[in-house]
Amino acid sequence: MNKVLIAAAASVFVLAGCSSDPEEAAMSEVEQLSNQVAQLSSEVEALKSEKADAEMKAQEATDAAMAAKEEAMRANERIDNIANSYTK
């Protein structure tokens, strides 16, 4: 049992010794991934900005449509009033 514990402890120290000095390839990969994360973050911010602009334009279009509908209802009411005044 003690031999197993000693072997496990030794393997931990060996593995720790191997991982203490990162390889140049691993550092290069980490740098590439960091650059990708930065690029994707800027793309996300740009898309959020575009979404906000689109939502604002959609709201403006909705407001314009409601105003046109209200104006059409008032025009129809005036036409109905004119038609009623001729029949009397």
PDB file of N, CA and C in Angstrom:
ATOM      1  N   MET A   1       0.822  -1.193   0.000  1.00  0.00           N
ATOM      2  CA  MET A   1       0.000   0.000   0.000  1.00  0.00           C
ATOM      3  C   MET A   1       0.863   1.253   0.000  1.00  0.00           C
ATOM      4  N   ASN A   2       1.929   1.231   0.817  1.00  0.00           N
ATOM      5  CA  ASN A   2       2.832   2.369   0.896  1.00  0.00           C
ATOM      6  C   ASN A   2       3.549   2.598  -0.428  1.00  0.00           C
ATOM      7  N   LYS A   3       3.858   1.509  -1.121  1.00  0.00           N
ATOM      8  CA  LYS A   3       4.546   1.629  -2.407  1.00  0.00           C
ATOM      9  C   LYS A   3       3.641   2.329  -3.431  1.00  0.00           C
ATOM     10  N   VAL A   4       2.350   2.042  -3.364  1.00  0.00           N
ATOM     11  CA  VAL A   4       1.396   2.675  -4.278  1.00  0.00           C
ATOM     12  C   VAL A   4       1.317   4.162  -3.992  1.00  0.00           C
ATOM     13  N   LEU A   5       1.291   4.534  -2.718  1.00  0.00           N
ATOM     14  CA  LEU A   5       1.234   5.947  -2.353  1.00  0.00           C
ATOM     15  C   LEU A   5       2.509   6.672  -2.764  1.00  0.00           C
ATOM     16  N   ILE A   6       3.627   6.030  -2.597  1.00  0.00           N
ATOM     17  CA  ILE A   6       4.905   6.634  -2.983  1.00  0.00           C
ATOM     18  C   ILE A   6       4.961   6.809  -4.501  1.00  0.00           C
ATOM     19  N   ALA A   7       4.470   5.808  -5.242  1.00  0.00           N
ATOM     20  CA  ALA A   7       4.464   5.885  -6.702  1.00  0.00           C
ATOM     21  C   ALA A   7       3.524   6.998  -7.165  1.00  0.00           C
ATOM     22  N   ALA A   8       2.382   7.121  -6.508  1.00  0.00           N
ATOM     23  CA  ALA A   8       1.429   8.177  -6.870  1.00  0.00           C
ATOM     24  C   ALA A   8       2.015   9.549  -6.582  1.00  0.00           C
ATOM     25  N   ALA A   9       2.662   9.706  -5.447  1.00  0.00           N
ATOM     26  CA  ALA A   9       3.272  10.981  -5.094  1.00  0.00           C
ATOM     27  C   ALA A   9       4.399  11.316  -6.061  1.00  0.00           C
ATOM     28  N   ALA A  10       5.173  10.324  -6.430  1.00  0.00           N
ATOM     29  CA  ALA A  10       6.274  10.557  -7.373  1.00  0.00           C
ATOM     30  C   ALA A  10       5.738  10.970  -8.734  1.00  0.00           C
ATOM     31  N   SER A  11       4.659  10.324  -9.174  1.00  0.00           N
ATOM     32  CA  SER A  11       4.094  10.682 -10.479  1.00  0.00           C
ATOM     33  C   SER A  11       3.519  12.099 -10.459  1.00  0.00           C
ATOM     34  N   VAL A  12       2.977  12.515  -9.330  1.00  0.00           N
ATOM     35  CA  VAL A  12       2.471  13.880  -9.202  1.00  0.00           C
ATOM     36  C   VAL A  12       3.608  14.874  -9.331  1.00  0.00           C
ATOM     37  N   PHE A  13       4.735  14.592  -8.682  1.00  0.00           N
ATOM     38  CA  PHE A  13       5.887  15.501  -8.759  1.00  0.00           C
ATOM     39  C   PHE A  13       6.475  15.526 -10.165  1.00  0.00           C
ATOM     40  N   VAL A  14       6.512  14.375 -10.822  1.00  0.00           N
ATOM     41  CA  VAL A  14       7.035  14.322 -12.190  1.00  0.00           C
ATOM     42  C   VAL A  14       6.140  15.127 -13.117  1.00  0.00           C
ATOM     43  N   LEU A  15       4.835  14.925 -12.991  1.00  0.00           N
ATOM     44  CA  LEU A  15       3.896  15.664 -13.839  1.00  0.00           C
ATOM     45  C   LEU A  15       3.941  17.153 -13.536  1.00  0.00           C
ATOM     46  N   ALA A  16       4.065  17.507 -12.299  1.00  0.00           N
ATOM     47  CA  ALA A  16       4.156  18.913 -11.926  1.00  0.00           C
ATOM     48  C   ALA A  16       5.429  19.523 -12.489  1.00  0.00           C
ATOM     49  N   GLY A  17       6.514  18.766 -12.487  1.00  0.00           N
ATOM     50  CA  GLY A  17       7.767  19.250 -13.043  1.00  0.00           C
ATOM     51  C   GLY A  17       7.673  19.447 -14.540  1.00  0.00           C
ATOM     52  N   CYS A  18       6.913  18.608 -15.222  1.00  0.00           N
ATOM     53  CA  CYS A  18       6.763  18.737 -16.670  1.00  0.00           C
ATOM     54  C   CYS A  18       5.911  19.938 -17.034  1.00  0.00           C
ATOM     55  N   SER A  19       4.952  20.236 -16.202  1.00  0.00           N
ATOM     56  CA  SER A  19       4.020  21.299 -16.558  1.00  0.00           C
ATOM     57  C   SER A  19       4.434  22.663 -16.033  1.00  0.00           C
ATOM     58  N   SER A  20       5.547  22.754 -15.342  1.00  0.00           N
ATOM     59  CA  SER A  20       5.922  24.036 -14.759  1.00  0.00           C
ATOM     60  C   SER A  20       6.432  25.022 -15.797  1.00  0.00           C
ATOM     61  N   ASP A  21       6.964  24.558 -16.910  1.00  0.00           N
ATOM     62  CA  ASP A  21       7.504  25.440 -17.942  1.00  0.00           C
ATOM     63  C   ASP A  21       6.688  25.230 -19.221  1.00  0.00           C
ATOM     64  N   PRO A  22       5.763  26.153 -19.530  1.00  0.00           N
ATOM     65  CA  PRO A  22       4.908  25.945 -20.701  1.00  0.00           C
ATOM     66  C   PRO A  22       5.715  25.999 -21.998  1.00  0.00           C
ATOM     67  N   GLU A  23       5.306  25.192 -22.923  1.00  0.00           N
ATOM     68  CA  GLU A  23       5.981  25.146 -24.213  1.00  0.00           C
ATOM     69  C   GLU A  23       5.641  26.372 -25.038  1.00  0.00           C
ATOM     70  N   GLU A  24       6.533  26.661 -25.973  1.00  0.00           N
ATOM     71  CA  GLU A  24       6.327  27.823 -26.841  1.00  0.00           C
ATOM     72  C   GLU A  24       5.091  27.634 -27.711  1.00  0.00           C
ATOM     73  N   ALA A  25       4.853  26.418 -28.175  1.00  0.00           N
ATOM     74  CA  ALA A  25       3.680  26.140 -29.013  1.00  0.00           C
ATOM     75  C   ALA A  25       2.393  26.370 -28.223  1.00  0.00           C
ATOM     76  N   ALA A  26       2.396  25.956 -26.970  1.00  0.00           N
ATOM     77  CA  ALA A  26       1.211  26.151 -26.140  1.00  0.00           C
ATOM     78  C   ALA A  26       0.967  27.636 -25.902  1.00  0.00           C
ATOM     79  N   MET A  27       2.033  28.389 -25.677  1.00  0.00           N
ATOM     80  CA  MET A  27       1.891  29.832 -25.468  1.00  0.00           C
ATOM     81  C   MET A  27       1.389  30.510 -26.735  1.00  0.00           C
ATOM     82  N   SER A  28       1.863  30.057 -27.882  1.00  0.00           N
ATOM     83  CA  SER A  28       1.412  30.608 -29.156  1.00  0.00           C
ATOM     84  C   SER A  28      -0.073  30.327 -29.354  1.00  0.00           C
ATOM     85  N   GLU A  29      -0.482  29.122 -28.999  1.00  0.00           N
ATOM     86  CA  GLU A  29      -1.899  28.759 -29.138  1.00  0.00           C
ATOM     87  C   GLU A  29      -2.764  29.591 -28.192  1.00  0.00           C
ATOM     88  N   VAL A  30      -2.279  29.800 -26.985  1.00  0.00           N
ATOM     89  CA  VAL A  30      -3.017  30.623 -26.028  1.00  0.00           C
ATOM     90  C   VAL A  30      -3.154  32.052 -26.558  1.00  0.00           C
ATOM     91  N   GLU A  31      -2.082  32.562 -27.154  1.00  0.00           N
ATOM     92  CA  GLU A  31      -2.122  33.919 -27.713  1.00  0.00           C
ATOM     93  C   GLU A  31      -3.115  34.003 -28.867  1.00  0.00           C
ATOM     94  N   GLN A  32      -3.118  32.982 -29.733  1.00  0.00           N
ATOM     95  CA  GLN A  32      -4.078  32.958 -30.838  1.00  0.00           C
ATOM     96  C   GLN A  32      -5.507  32.922 -30.319  1.00  0.00           C
ATOM     97  N   LEU A  33      -5.735  32.098 -29.309  1.00  0.00           N
ATOM     98  CA  LEU A  33      -7.079  32.007 -28.741  1.00  0.00           C
ATOM     99  C   LEU A  33      -7.490  33.316 -28.087  1.00  0.00           C
ATOM    100  N   SER A  34      -6.558  33.980 -27.439  1.00  0.00           N
ATOM    101  CA  SER A  34      -6.855  35.276 -26.828  1.00  0.00           C
ATOM    102  C   SER A  34      -7.215  36.299 -27.900  1.00  0.00           C
ATOM    103  N   ASN A  35      -6.494  36.267 -29.011  1.00  0.00           N
ATOM    104  CA  ASN A  35      -6.807  37.178 -30.114  1.00  0.00           C
ATOM    105  C   ASN A  35      -8.179  36.882 -30.694  1.00  0.00           C
ATOM    106  N   GLN A  36      -8.512  35.608 -30.822  1.00  0.00           N
ATOM    107  CA  GLN A  36      -9.834  35.237 -31.330  1.00  0.00           C
ATOM    108  C   GLN A  36     -10.931  35.709 -30.390  1.00  0.00           C
ATOM    109  N   VAL A  37     -10.696  35.569 -29.093  1.00  0.00           N
ATOM    110  CA  VAL A  37     -11.685  36.019 -28.108  1.00  0.00           C
ATOM    111  C   VAL A  37     -11.885  37.530 -28.221  1.00  0.00           C
ATOM    112  N   ALA A  38     -10.795  38.266 -28.377  1.00  0.00           N
ATOM    113  CA  ALA A  38     -10.898  39.720 -28.514  1.00  0.00           C
ATOM    114  C   ALA A  38     -11.650  40.096 -29.781  1.00  0.00           C
ATOM    115  N   GLN A  39     -11.359  39.403 -30.879  1.00  0.00           N
ATOM    116  CA  GLN A  39     -12.044  39.678 -32.142  1.00  0.00           C
ATOM    117  C   GLN A  39     -13.536  39.356 -32.029  1.00  0.00           C
ATOM    118  N   LEU A  40     -13.854  38.221 -31.435  1.00  0.00           N
ATOM    119  CA  LEU A  40     -15.258  37.844 -31.280  1.00  0.00           C
ATOM    120  C   LEU A  40     -15.993  38.806 -30.353  1.00  0.00           C
ATOM    121  N   SER A  41     -15.309  39.289 -29.336  1.00  0.00           N
ATOM    122  CA  SER A  41     -15.931  40.253 -28.428  1.00  0.00           C
ATOM    123  C   SER A  41     -16.278  41.544 -29.160  1.00  0.00           C
ATOM    124  N   SER A  42     -15.367  41.997 -30.019  1.00  0.00           N
ATOM    125  CA  SER A  42     -15.654  43.227 -30.770  1.00  0.00           C
ATOM    126  C   SER A  42     -16.784  42.994 -31.767  1.00  0.00           C
ATOM    127  N   GLU A  43     -16.838  41.809 -32.362  1.00  0.00           N
ATOM    128  CA  GLU A  43     -17.939  41.490 -33.275  1.00  0.00           C
ATOM    129  C   GLU A  43     -19.271  41.453 -32.535  1.00  0.00           C
ATOM    130  N   VAL A  44     -19.273  40.906 -31.349  1.00  0.00           N
ATOM    131  CA  VAL A  44     -20.500  40.861 -30.541  1.00  0.00           C
ATOM    132  C   VAL A  44     -20.971  42.276 -30.216  1.00  0.00           C
ATOM    133  N   GLU A  45     -20.036  43.150 -29.846  1.00  0.00           N
ATOM    134  CA  GLU A  45     -20.402  44.532 -29.544  1.00  0.00           C
ATOM    135  C   GLU A  45     -20.973  45.225 -30.777  1.00  0.00           C
ATOM    136  N   ALA A  46     -20.375  44.973 -31.945  1.00  0.00           N
ATOM    137  CA  ALA A  46     -20.884  45.565 -33.186  1.00  0.00           C
ATOM    138  C   ALA A  46     -22.290  45.050 -33.480  1.00  0.00           C
ATOM    139  N   LEU A  47     -22.510  43.764 -33.279  1.00  0.00           N
ATOM    140  CA  LEU A  47     -23.840  43.198 -33.522  1.00  0.00           C
ATOM    141  C   LEU A  47     -24.868  43.743 -32.538  1.00  0.00           C
ATOM    142  N   LYS A  48     -24.461  43.953 -31.301  1.00  0.00           N
ATOM    143  CA  LYS A  48     -25.381  44.541 -30.320  1.00  0.00           C
ATOM    144  C   LYS A  48     -25.765  45.953 -30.738  1.00  0.00           C
ATOM    145  N   SER A  49     -24.806  46.704 -31.253  1.00  0.00           N
ATOM    146  CA  SER A  49     -25.070  48.061 -31.708  1.00  0.00           C
ATOM    147  C   SER A  49     -26.026  48.048 -32.901  1.00  0.00           C
ATOM    148  N   GLU A  50     -25.774  47.140 -33.848  1.00  0.00           N
ATOM    149  CA  GLU A  50     -26.661  47.014 -35.006  1.00  0.00           C
ATOM    150  C   GLU A  50     -28.061  46.611 -34.575  1.00  0.00           C
ATOM    151  N   LYS A  51     -28.157  45.728 -33.608  1.00  0.00           N
ATOM    152  CA  LYS A  51     -29.471  45.288 -33.113  1.00  0.00           C
ATOM    153  C   LYS A  51     -30.220  46.457 -32.489  1.00  0.00           C
ATOM    154  N   ALA A  52     -29.509  47.262 -31.707  1.00  0.00           N
ATOM    155  CA  ALA A  52     -30.146  48.418 -31.077  1.00  0.00           C
ATOM    156  C   ALA A  52     -30.645  49.400 -32.135  1.00  0.00           C
ATOM    157  N   ASP A  53     -29.837  49.620 -33.184  1.00  0.00           N
ATOM    158  CA  ASP A  53     -30.259  50.506 -34.271  1.00  0.00           C
ATOM    159  C   ASP A  53     -31.494  49.952 -34.972  1.00  0.00           C
ATOM    160  N   ALA A  54     -31.492  48.648 -35.229  1.00  0.00           N
ATOM    161  CA  ALA A  54     -32.633  48.020 -35.902  1.00  0.00           C
ATOM    162  C   ALA A  54     -33.889  48.107 -35.037  1.00  0.00           C
ATOM    163  N   GLU A  55     -33.740  47.902 -33.744  1.00  0.00           N
ATOM    164  CA  GLU A  55     -34.893  48.003 -32.849  1.00  0.00           C
ATOM    165  C   GLU A  55     -35.441  49.429 -32.829  1.00  0.00           C
ATOM    166  N   MET A  56     -34.544  50.432 -32.860  1.00  0.00           N
ATOM    167  CA  MET A  56     -34.981  51.823 -32.866  1.00  0.00           C
ATOM    168  C   MET A  56     -35.734  52.137 -34.160  1.00  0.00           C
ATOM    169  N   LYS A  57     -35.198  51.658 -35.291  1.00  0.00           N
ATOM    170  CA  LYS A  57     -35.875  51.892 -36.570  1.00  0.00           C
ATOM    171  C   LYS A  57     -37.219  51.177 -36.616  1.00  0.00           C
ATOM    172  N   ALA A  58     -37.287  49.985 -36.068  1.00  0.00           N
ATOM    173  CA  ALA A  58     -38.553  49.248 -36.031  1.00  0.00           C
ATOM    174  C   ALA A  58     -39.580  49.987 -35.181  1.00  0.00           C
ATOM    175  N   GLN A  59     -39.141  50.551 -34.064  1.00  0.00           N
ATOM    176  CA  GLN A  59     -40.053  51.312 -33.209  1.00  0.00           C
ATOM    177  C   GLN A  59     -40.538  52.563 -33.929  1.00  0.00           C
ATOM    178  N   GLU A  60     -39.638  53.235 -34.649  1.00  0.00           N
ATOM    179  CA  GLU A  60     -40.039  54.416 -35.412  1.00  0.00           C
ATOM    180  C   GLU A  60     -41.047  54.042 -36.488  1.00  0.00           C
ATOM    181  N   ALA A  61     -40.840  52.914 -37.156  1.00  0.00           N
ATOM    182  CA  ALA A  61     -41.778  52.458 -38.188  1.00  0.00           C
ATOM    183  C   ALA A  61     -43.134  52.116 -37.571  1.00  0.00           C
ATOM    184  N   THR A  62     -43.112  51.496 -36.411  1.00  0.00           N
ATOM    185  CA  THR A  62     -44.364  51.170 -35.719  1.00  0.00           C
ATOM    186  C   THR A  62     -45.111  52.441 -35.330  1.00  0.00           C
ATOM    187  N   ASP A  63     -44.381  53.418 -34.817  1.00  0.00           N
ATOM    188  CA  ASP A  63     -45.005  54.690 -34.448  1.00  0.00           C
ATOM    189  C   ASP A  63     -45.604  55.384 -35.670  1.00  0.00           C
ATOM    190  N   ALA A  64     -44.873  55.367 -36.789  1.00  0.00           N
ATOM    191  CA  ALA A  64     -45.375  55.989 -38.016  1.00  0.00           C
ATOM    192  C   ALA A  64     -46.625  55.264 -38.521  1.00  0.00           C
ATOM    193  N   ALA A  65     -46.635  53.947 -38.426  1.00  0.00           N
ATOM    194  CA  ALA A  65     -47.793  53.172 -38.861  1.00  0.00           C
ATOM    195  C   ALA A  65     -49.005  53.473 -37.983  1.00  0.00           C
ATOM    196  N   MET A  66     -48.781  53.592 -36.686  1.00  0.00           N
ATOM    197  CA  MET A  66     -49.902  53.918 -35.780  1.00  0.00           C
ATOM    198  C   MET A  66     -50.435  55.319 -36.070  1.00  0.00           C
ATOM    199  N   ALA A  67     -49.548  56.267 -36.325  1.00  0.00           N
ATOM    200  CA  ALA A  67     -49.990  57.626 -36.637  1.00  0.00           C
ATOM    201  C   ALA A  67     -50.780  57.642 -37.932  1.00  0.00           C
ATOM    202  N   ALA A  68     -50.321  56.878 -38.941  1.00  0.00           N
ATOM    203  CA  ALA A  68     -51.046  56.810 -40.213  1.00  0.00           C
ATOM    204  C   ALA A  68     -52.411  56.155 -40.020  1.00  0.00           C
ATOM    205  N   LYS A  69     -52.478  55.151 -39.189  1.00  0.00           N
ATOM    206  CA  LYS A  69     -53.760  54.479 -38.928  1.00  0.00           C
ATOM    207  C   LYS A  69     -54.730  55.434 -38.236  1.00  0.00           C
ATOM    208  N   GLU A  70     -54.236  56.176 -37.256  1.00  0.00           N
ATOM    209  CA  GLU A  70     -55.100  57.139 -36.564  1.00  0.00           C
ATOM    210  C   GLU A  70     -55.581  58.229 -37.510  1.00  0.00           C
ATOM    211  N   GLU A  71     -54.699  58.703 -38.377  1.00  0.00           N
ATOM    212  CA  GLU A  71     -55.081  59.729 -39.354  1.00  0.00           C
ATOM    213  C   GLU A  71     -56.113  59.176 -40.330  1.00  0.00           C
ATOM    214  N   ALA A  72     -55.956  57.937 -40.746  1.00  0.00           N
ATOM    215  CA  ALA A  72     -56.932  57.312 -41.644  1.00  0.00           C
ATOM    216  C   ALA A  72     -58.284  57.174 -40.960  1.00  0.00           C
ATOM    217  N   MET A  73     -58.285  56.825 -39.677  1.00  0.00           N
ATOM    218  CA  MET A  73     -59.550  56.703 -38.944  1.00  0.00           C
ATOM    219  C   MET A  73     -60.241  58.064 -38.841  1.00  0.00           C
ATOM    220  N   ARG A  74     -59.463  59.126 -38.583  1.00  0.00           N
ATOM    221  CA  ARG A  74     -60.053  60.465 -38.523  1.00  0.00           C
ATOM    222  C   ARG A  74     -60.599  60.879 -39.886  1.00  0.00           C
ATOM    223  N   ALA A  75     -59.873  60.555 -40.958  1.00  0.00           N
ATOM    224  CA  ALA A  75     -60.348  60.896 -42.302  1.00  0.00           C
ATOM    225  C   ALA A  75     -61.633  60.144 -42.617  1.00  0.00           C
ATOM    226  N   ASN A  76     -61.696  58.871 -42.265  1.00  0.00           N
ATOM    227  CA  ASN A  76     -62.922  58.099 -42.498  1.00  0.00           C
ATOM    228  C   ASN A  76     -64.080  58.664 -41.699  1.00  0.00           C
ATOM    229  N   GLU A  77     -63.820  59.109 -40.488  1.00  0.00           N
ATOM    230  CA  GLU A  77     -64.870  59.703 -39.663  1.00  0.00           C
ATOM    231  C   GLU A  77     -65.376  61.004 -40.296  1.00  0.00           C
ATOM    232  N   ARG A  78     -64.462  61.821 -40.826  1.00  0.00           N
ATOM    233  CA  ARG A  78     -64.888  63.064 -41.487  1.00  0.00           C
ATOM    234  C   ARG A  78     -65.719  62.753 -42.724  1.00  0.00           C
ATOM    235  N   ILE A  79     -65.302  61.737 -43.491  1.00  0.00           N
ATOM    236  CA  ILE A  79     -66.072  61.357 -44.689  1.00  0.00           C
ATOM    237  C   ILE A  79     -67.454  60.868 -44.284  1.00  0.00           C
ATOM    238  N   ASP A  80     -67.539  60.070 -43.217  1.00  0.00           N
ATOM    239  CA  ASP A  80     -68.833  59.591 -42.736  1.00  0.00           C
ATOM    240  C   ASP A  80     -69.708  60.749 -42.301  1.00  0.00           C
ATOM    241  N   ASN A  81     -69.126  61.752 -41.647  1.00  0.00           N
ATOM    242  CA  ASN A  81     -69.884  62.924 -41.221  1.00  0.00           C
ATOM    243  C   ASN A  81     -70.404  63.716 -42.425  1.00  0.00           C
ATOM    244  N   ILE A  82     -69.569  63.838 -43.451  1.00  0.00           N
ATOM    245  CA  ILE A  82     -69.998  64.543 -44.671  1.00  0.00           C
ATOM    246  C   ILE A  82     -71.128  63.795 -45.333  1.00  0.00           C
ATOM    247  N   ALA A  83     -71.007  62.463 -45.423  1.00  0.00           N
ATOM    248  CA  ALA A  83     -72.047  61.648 -46.057  1.00  0.00           C
ATOM    249  C   ALA A  83     -73.347  61.759 -45.257  1.00  0.00           C
ATOM    250  N   ASN A  84     -73.268  61.781 -43.943  1.00  0.00           N
ATOM    251  CA  ASN A  84     -74.475  61.883 -43.115  1.00  0.00           C
ATOM    252  C   ASN A  84     -75.132  63.262 -43.271  1.00  0.00           C
ATOM    253  N   SER A  85     -74.355  64.300 -43.457  1.00  0.00           N
ATOM    254  CA  SER A  85     -74.935  65.630 -43.583  1.00  0.00           C
ATOM    255  C   SER A  85     -75.677  65.783 -44.924  1.00  0.00           C
ATOM    256  N   TYR A  86     -75.287  65.090 -45.969  1.00  0.00           N
ATOM    257  CA  TYR A  86     -75.991  65.153 -47.249  1.00  0.00           C
ATOM    258  C   TYR A  86     -77.300  64.378 -47.234  1.00  0.00           C
ATOM    259  N   THR A  87     -77.420  63.377 -46.433  1.00  0.00           N
ATOM    260  CA  THR A  87     -78.632  62.570 -46.422  1.00  0.00           C
ATOM    261  C   THR A  87     -79.737  63.203 -45.599  1.00  0.00           C
ATOM    262  N   LYS A  88     -79.436  64.166 -44.778  1.00  0.00           N
ATOM    263  CA  LYS A  88     -80.457  64.756 -43.929  1.00  0.00           C
ATOM    264  C   LYS A  88     -81.270  65.758 -44.650  1.00  0.00           C
TER     265      LYS A  88
END
